[in-house]
C-alpha cells in the first residue's frame, strides 16, 4: 500500500513539474508588452519555432523587417493596456482573446493561438 501511495505522489509531482509556469494569457501579455517597449528579442522568445521562421523569413522581408511587423501589431508601440477577454486551453493548444487599448483612445480586439512547445506556451503565426 505504501508503494502505491508513493507512486501516486511521484506521478502527481511529475505532472506538476511538467506543467507550464505561465498561462497562455500571460504569454500573450508578456509578448506584446515586450514588443510595445521595443524589446523585440524578448518578445520573440515567446514565439513558436514556426512563428520565428516566418517572422525572420519571407513574411518579414515583405513587410519591411521584423521590427516593422512588431510596430504594426502594436500600432507603433502605442499600447496602453492589454485586456484579456477569454482563454481557451485544450490538449496542448490554446487561444487567447484580448483587446488592445491604444494611446489615441482606440481599441482593437484580436486573438492569438498558442502551442505547448518544450513545456512552454508559444505563439503560433
N, C-alpha and C. Protein backbone atom coordinates (compact mmCIF):
# COMPACT_ATOMS: atom_id res chain seq x y z
N UNK A 1 0.82 -1.19 0.00
CA UNK A 1 0.00 0.00 0.00
C UNK A 1 0.87 1.26 0.00
N UNK A 2 1.90 1.26 0.80
CA UNK A 2 2.80 2.42 0.86
C UNK A 2 3.44 2.68 -0.50
N UNK A 3 3.75 1.59 -1.21
CA UNK A 3 4.35 1.74 -2.55
C UNK A 3 3.38 2.40 -3.51
N UNK A 4 2.09 2.07 -3.43
CA UNK A 4 1.09 2.70 -4.29
C UNK A 4 0.93 4.17 -3.97
N UNK A 5 0.94 4.50 -2.69
CA UNK A 5 0.84 5.91 -2.30
C UNK A 5 2.06 6.66 -2.81
N UNK A 6 3.24 6.07 -2.67
CA UNK A 6 4.46 6.72 -3.13
C UNK A 6 4.42 6.90 -4.65
N UNK A 7 3.97 5.88 -5.39
CA UNK A 7 3.87 6.00 -6.85
C UNK A 7 2.87 7.08 -7.25
N UNK A 8 1.75 7.15 -6.54
CA UNK A 8 0.77 8.20 -6.81
C UNK A 8 1.36 9.58 -6.57
N UNK A 9 2.12 9.73 -5.50
CA UNK A 9 2.76 11.00 -5.19
C UNK A 9 3.75 11.38 -6.29
N UNK A 10 4.52 10.39 -6.75
CA UNK A 10 5.51 10.66 -7.81
C UNK A 10 4.83 11.11 -9.08
N UNK A 11 3.71 10.46 -9.48
CA UNK A 11 3.06 10.89 -10.71
C UNK A 11 2.44 12.25 -10.58
N UNK A 12 1.92 12.58 -9.41
CA UNK A 12 1.39 13.93 -9.20
C UNK A 12 2.53 14.94 -9.27
N UNK A 13 3.65 14.62 -8.63
CA UNK A 13 4.80 15.54 -8.63
C UNK A 13 5.34 15.73 -10.03
N UNK A 14 5.42 14.64 -10.81
CA UNK A 14 5.95 14.76 -12.16
C UNK A 14 5.02 15.55 -13.06
N UNK A 15 3.71 15.35 -12.95
CA UNK A 15 2.82 16.11 -13.81
C UNK A 15 2.82 17.57 -13.42
N UNK A 16 2.98 17.87 -12.14
CA UNK A 16 3.06 19.27 -11.73
C UNK A 16 4.33 19.90 -12.27
N UNK A 17 5.43 19.16 -12.20
CA UNK A 17 6.71 19.71 -12.66
C UNK A 17 6.69 19.98 -14.16
N UNK A 18 5.93 19.19 -14.91
CA UNK A 18 5.91 19.35 -16.36
C UNK A 18 4.94 20.45 -16.80
N UNK A 19 4.12 20.93 -15.91
CA UNK A 19 3.13 21.95 -16.28
C UNK A 19 3.84 23.27 -16.59
N UNK A 20 3.36 23.99 -17.60
CA UNK A 20 3.96 25.29 -17.92
C UNK A 20 3.82 26.25 -16.73
N UNK A 21 4.82 27.07 -16.55
CA UNK A 21 4.81 28.02 -15.44
C UNK A 21 3.86 29.19 -15.72
N UNK A 22 3.82 29.63 -16.96
CA UNK A 22 3.00 30.79 -17.33
C UNK A 22 1.82 30.34 -18.19
N UNK A 23 0.68 30.96 -17.96
CA UNK A 23 -0.52 30.63 -18.72
C UNK A 23 -0.43 31.21 -20.13
N UNK A 24 -1.24 30.71 -21.06
CA UNK A 24 -1.26 31.28 -22.41
C UNK A 24 -1.58 32.78 -22.38
N UNK A 25 -2.53 33.20 -21.55
CA UNK A 25 -2.88 34.62 -21.47
C UNK A 25 -1.69 35.46 -20.99
N UNK A 26 -0.95 34.93 -20.04
CA UNK A 26 0.23 35.65 -19.54
C UNK A 26 1.30 35.76 -20.63
N UNK A 27 1.48 34.71 -21.43
CA UNK A 27 2.46 34.74 -22.53
C UNK A 27 2.07 35.79 -23.56
N UNK A 28 0.79 35.86 -23.91
CA UNK A 28 0.33 36.88 -24.86
C UNK A 28 0.63 38.27 -24.31
N UNK A 29 0.28 38.49 -23.05
CA UNK A 29 0.51 39.80 -22.42
C UNK A 29 2.00 40.14 -22.40
N UNK A 30 2.84 39.20 -21.97
CA UNK A 30 4.29 39.45 -21.90
C UNK A 30 4.88 39.72 -23.28
N UNK A 31 4.41 39.00 -24.29
CA UNK A 31 4.93 39.17 -25.65
C UNK A 31 4.67 40.58 -26.17
N UNK A 32 3.42 41.02 -26.07
CA UNK A 32 3.08 42.34 -26.61
C UNK A 32 3.60 43.47 -25.73
N UNK A 33 3.71 43.26 -24.44
CA UNK A 33 4.32 44.28 -23.58
C UNK A 33 5.78 44.48 -23.95
N UNK A 34 6.50 43.38 -24.21
CA UNK A 34 7.91 43.48 -24.62
C UNK A 34 8.03 44.19 -25.96
N UNK A 35 7.22 43.80 -26.94
CA UNK A 35 7.27 44.44 -28.26
C UNK A 35 6.90 45.91 -28.16
N UNK A 36 5.92 46.22 -27.34
CA UNK A 36 5.48 47.61 -27.19
C UNK A 36 6.58 48.48 -26.57
N UNK A 37 7.44 47.85 -25.77
CA UNK A 37 8.56 48.57 -25.15
C UNK A 37 9.80 48.56 -26.05
N UNK A 38 9.69 47.96 -27.23
CA UNK A 38 10.83 47.91 -28.14
C UNK A 38 11.79 46.78 -27.82
N UNK A 39 11.41 45.86 -26.94
CA UNK A 39 12.25 44.72 -26.57
C UNK A 39 11.85 43.53 -27.45
N UNK A 40 12.17 43.64 -28.74
CA UNK A 40 11.73 42.66 -29.73
C UNK A 40 12.34 41.28 -29.48
N UNK A 41 13.59 41.22 -29.07
CA UNK A 41 14.22 39.93 -28.79
C UNK A 41 13.49 39.22 -27.65
N UNK A 42 13.08 39.97 -26.62
CA UNK A 42 12.31 39.38 -25.52
C UNK A 42 10.96 38.88 -26.03
N UNK A 43 10.31 39.67 -26.86
CA UNK A 43 9.02 39.27 -27.42
C UNK A 43 9.15 37.98 -28.22
N UNK A 44 10.22 37.86 -28.97
CA UNK A 44 10.40 36.71 -29.84
C UNK A 44 10.73 35.43 -29.09
N UNK A 45 11.10 35.52 -27.80
CA UNK A 45 11.32 34.30 -27.02
C UNK A 45 10.00 33.57 -26.78
N UNK A 46 8.87 34.25 -26.97
CA UNK A 46 7.56 33.65 -26.75
C UNK A 46 6.91 33.15 -28.04
N UNK A 47 7.68 33.13 -29.14
CA UNK A 47 7.15 32.66 -30.42
C UNK A 47 7.51 31.20 -30.65
N UNK A 48 6.61 30.47 -31.27
CA UNK A 48 6.88 29.07 -31.64
C UNK A 48 7.95 29.04 -32.72
N UNK A 49 8.52 27.86 -32.94
CA UNK A 49 9.54 27.71 -33.98
C UNK A 49 8.99 28.10 -35.34
N UNK A 50 7.73 27.75 -35.61
CA UNK A 50 7.11 28.10 -36.89
C UNK A 50 6.95 29.61 -37.01
N UNK A 51 6.51 30.26 -35.94
CA UNK A 51 6.34 31.72 -35.97
C UNK A 51 7.68 32.42 -36.14
N UNK A 52 8.70 31.93 -35.46
CA UNK A 52 10.04 32.53 -35.60
C UNK A 52 10.54 32.42 -37.04
N UNK A 53 10.33 31.26 -37.64
CA UNK A 53 10.76 31.08 -39.03
C UNK A 53 10.06 32.07 -39.94
N UNK A 54 8.78 32.30 -39.69
CA UNK A 54 8.04 33.25 -40.53
C UNK A 54 8.47 34.69 -40.27
N UNK A 55 8.63 35.05 -39.02
CA UNK A 55 8.95 36.45 -38.71
C UNK A 55 10.36 36.80 -39.18
N UNK A 56 11.24 35.80 -39.27
CA UNK A 56 12.60 36.05 -39.74
C UNK A 56 12.77 35.71 -41.22
N UNK A 57 11.71 35.28 -41.87
CA UNK A 57 11.80 34.87 -43.27
C UNK A 57 11.08 35.81 -44.21
N UNK A 58 10.39 35.22 -45.15
CA UNK A 58 9.73 35.95 -46.22
C UNK A 58 8.71 36.96 -45.69
N UNK A 59 7.94 36.56 -44.67
CA UNK A 59 6.93 37.46 -44.11
C UNK A 59 7.55 38.78 -43.67
N UNK A 60 8.67 38.70 -42.98
CA UNK A 60 9.34 39.91 -42.50
C UNK A 60 9.91 40.72 -43.66
N UNK A 61 10.52 40.04 -44.62
CA UNK A 61 11.09 40.76 -45.77
C UNK A 61 10.01 41.51 -46.54
N UNK A 62 8.86 40.87 -46.73
CA UNK A 62 7.77 41.52 -47.45
C UNK A 62 7.21 42.72 -46.68
N UNK A 63 7.23 42.64 -45.36
CA UNK A 63 6.69 43.71 -44.53
C UNK A 63 7.71 44.80 -44.27
N UNK A 64 8.97 44.58 -44.61
CA UNK A 64 9.99 45.59 -44.38
C UNK A 64 10.81 45.32 -43.13
N UNK A 65 10.82 44.11 -42.63
CA UNK A 65 11.62 43.74 -41.47
C UNK A 65 10.76 43.39 -40.27
N UNK A 66 11.34 42.60 -39.36
CA UNK A 66 10.55 42.13 -38.23
C UNK A 66 10.17 43.26 -37.27
N UNK A 67 10.98 44.29 -37.15
CA UNK A 67 10.61 45.43 -36.29
C UNK A 67 9.38 46.12 -36.83
N UNK A 68 9.30 46.24 -38.15
CA UNK A 68 8.12 46.84 -38.76
C UNK A 68 6.87 45.99 -38.50
N UNK A 69 7.03 44.67 -38.51
CA UNK A 69 5.91 43.78 -38.18
C UNK A 69 5.44 44.05 -36.74
N UNK A 70 6.38 44.05 -35.79
CA UNK A 70 6.01 44.29 -34.38
C UNK A 70 5.36 45.66 -34.21
N UNK A 71 5.90 46.67 -34.88
CA UNK A 71 5.32 48.01 -34.78
C UNK A 71 3.92 48.07 -35.37
N UNK A 72 3.66 47.27 -36.39
CA UNK A 72 2.31 47.19 -36.94
C UNK A 72 1.35 46.55 -35.95
N UNK A 73 1.80 45.48 -35.30
CA UNK A 73 0.95 44.79 -34.34
C UNK A 73 0.69 45.62 -33.09
N UNK A 74 1.65 46.48 -32.72
CA UNK A 74 1.49 47.30 -31.50
C UNK A 74 1.07 48.73 -31.82
N UNK A 75 0.71 48.97 -33.07
CA UNK A 75 0.32 50.31 -33.54
C UNK A 75 1.41 51.33 -33.16
N UNK A 76 2.60 51.03 -33.66
CA UNK A 76 3.80 51.85 -33.42
C UNK A 76 4.08 52.05 -31.93
N UNK A 77 4.00 50.92 -31.21
CA UNK A 77 4.34 50.88 -29.78
C UNK A 77 3.47 51.83 -28.97
N UNK A 78 2.17 51.84 -29.25
CA UNK A 78 1.28 52.76 -28.55
C UNK A 78 0.22 52.05 -27.69
N UNK A 79 0.47 50.77 -27.34
CA UNK A 79 -0.47 50.04 -26.47
C UNK A 79 -0.37 50.62 -25.05
N UNK A 80 -1.53 50.92 -24.49
CA UNK A 80 -1.56 51.39 -23.10
C UNK A 80 -2.04 50.30 -22.14
N UNK A 81 -2.82 49.35 -22.68
CA UNK A 81 -3.35 48.29 -21.84
C UNK A 81 -3.72 47.09 -22.71
N UNK A 82 -3.48 45.90 -22.16
CA UNK A 82 -3.87 44.66 -22.82
C UNK A 82 -4.89 44.00 -21.91
N UNK A 83 -6.09 43.87 -22.42
CA UNK A 83 -7.19 43.30 -21.65
C UNK A 83 -7.48 41.89 -22.18
N UNK A 84 -7.26 40.88 -21.36
CA UNK A 84 -7.56 39.51 -21.76
C UNK A 84 -9.05 39.29 -21.58
N UNK A 85 -9.70 38.87 -22.66
CA UNK A 85 -11.15 38.65 -22.64
C UNK A 85 -11.50 37.20 -22.33
N UNK A 86 -10.71 36.27 -22.89
CA UNK A 86 -11.01 34.86 -22.68
C UNK A 86 -9.79 34.03 -23.04
N UNK A 87 -9.66 32.91 -22.38
CA UNK A 87 -8.58 31.96 -22.66
C UNK A 87 -9.20 30.57 -22.77
N UNK A 88 -8.92 29.88 -23.87
CA UNK A 88 -9.38 28.52 -24.08
C UNK A 88 -8.16 27.62 -24.23
N UNK A 89 -8.12 26.53 -23.46
CA UNK A 89 -6.99 25.61 -23.49
C UNK A 89 -7.50 24.20 -23.66
N UNK A 90 -6.90 23.45 -24.58
CA UNK A 90 -7.27 22.05 -24.79
C UNK A 90 -6.12 21.30 -25.44
N UNK A 91 -5.62 20.29 -24.75
CA UNK A 91 -4.64 19.34 -25.30
C UNK A 91 -3.46 19.99 -26.03
N UNK A 92 -2.74 20.83 -25.36
CA UNK A 92 -1.53 21.41 -25.94
C UNK A 92 -1.73 22.58 -26.87
N UNK A 93 -2.97 23.02 -27.05
CA UNK A 93 -3.26 24.19 -27.87
C UNK A 93 -4.09 25.17 -27.04
N UNK A 94 -3.96 26.44 -27.33
CA UNK A 94 -4.73 27.45 -26.61
C UNK A 94 -5.06 28.60 -27.54
N UNK A 95 -6.13 29.30 -27.22
CA UNK A 95 -6.48 30.54 -27.92
C UNK A 95 -6.76 31.58 -26.85
N UNK A 96 -6.15 32.74 -27.02
CA UNK A 96 -6.36 33.85 -26.10
C UNK A 96 -7.02 34.98 -26.88
N UNK A 97 -8.16 35.44 -26.37
CA UNK A 97 -8.90 36.56 -26.95
C UNK A 97 -8.59 37.78 -26.08
N UNK A 98 -8.25 38.89 -26.73
CA UNK A 98 -7.83 40.07 -25.97
C UNK A 98 -8.24 41.35 -26.67
N UNK A 99 -8.10 42.44 -25.96
CA UNK A 99 -8.36 43.77 -26.53
C UNK A 99 -7.16 44.65 -26.19
N UNK A 100 -6.59 45.26 -27.23
CA UNK A 100 -5.55 46.27 -27.04
C UNK A 100 -6.22 47.63 -26.88
N UNK A 101 -5.74 48.43 -25.97
CA UNK A 101 -6.14 49.82 -25.82
C UNK A 101 -4.91 50.66 -26.19
N UNK A 102 -5.14 51.70 -27.01
CA UNK A 102 -4.03 52.49 -27.54
C UNK A 102 -4.04 53.92 -27.00
N UNK A 103 -2.89 54.58 -27.15
CA UNK A 103 -2.72 55.96 -26.67
C UNK A 103 -3.72 56.93 -27.28
N UNK A 104 -4.16 56.66 -28.51
CA UNK A 104 -5.09 57.59 -29.17
C UNK A 104 -6.55 57.37 -28.74
N UNK A 105 -6.76 56.47 -27.76
CA UNK A 105 -8.11 56.21 -27.25
C UNK A 105 -8.84 55.09 -27.97
N UNK A 106 -8.28 54.59 -29.06
CA UNK A 106 -8.93 53.50 -29.79
C UNK A 106 -8.60 52.16 -29.13
N UNK A 107 -9.31 51.13 -29.57
CA UNK A 107 -9.04 49.78 -29.10
C UNK A 107 -9.25 48.81 -30.24
N UNK A 108 -8.68 47.61 -30.08
CA UNK A 108 -8.79 46.59 -31.13
C UNK A 108 -8.86 45.23 -30.47
N UNK A 109 -9.87 44.44 -30.85
CA UNK A 109 -9.98 43.07 -30.36
C UNK A 109 -9.29 42.14 -31.34
N UNK A 110 -8.61 41.13 -30.79
CA UNK A 110 -7.91 40.16 -31.62
C UNK A 110 -7.77 38.87 -30.83
N UNK A 111 -7.16 37.88 -31.43
CA UNK A 111 -6.88 36.64 -30.73
C UNK A 111 -5.59 36.05 -31.25
N UNK A 112 -4.96 35.24 -30.43
CA UNK A 112 -3.75 34.53 -30.81
C UNK A 112 -3.90 33.07 -30.42
N UNK A 113 -3.37 32.20 -31.25
CA UNK A 113 -3.31 30.77 -30.94
C UNK A 113 -1.91 30.47 -30.42
N UNK A 114 -1.85 29.55 -29.47
CA UNK A 114 -0.57 29.14 -28.89
C UNK A 114 -0.49 27.63 -28.89
N UNK A 115 0.75 27.13 -28.83
CA UNK A 115 1.01 25.70 -28.77
C UNK A 115 1.97 25.45 -27.61
N UNK A 116 1.81 24.32 -26.98
CA UNK A 116 2.73 23.93 -25.92
C UNK A 116 3.96 23.33 -26.59
N UNK A 117 5.09 24.03 -26.48
CA UNK A 117 6.32 23.64 -27.17
C UNK A 117 7.45 23.61 -26.14
N UNK A 118 8.06 22.45 -25.96
CA UNK A 118 9.13 22.28 -24.98
C UNK A 118 8.71 22.73 -23.58
N UNK A 119 7.46 22.43 -23.21
CA UNK A 119 6.98 22.73 -21.88
C UNK A 119 6.56 24.17 -21.63
N UNK A 120 6.56 24.99 -22.67
CA UNK A 120 6.15 26.39 -22.54
C UNK A 120 5.14 26.74 -23.62
N UNK A 121 4.24 27.66 -23.29
CA UNK A 121 3.28 28.16 -24.28
C UNK A 121 4.00 29.10 -25.23
N UNK A 122 3.81 28.89 -26.53
CA UNK A 122 4.44 29.71 -27.56
C UNK A 122 3.38 30.13 -28.58
N UNK A 123 3.49 31.38 -29.04
CA UNK A 123 2.55 31.91 -30.02
C UNK A 123 2.77 31.28 -31.40
N UNK A 124 1.67 30.94 -32.02
CA UNK A 124 1.69 30.45 -33.40
C UNK A 124 1.49 31.62 -34.36
N UNK A 125 1.90 31.44 -35.63
CA UNK A 125 1.69 32.53 -36.59
C UNK A 125 0.21 32.75 -36.88
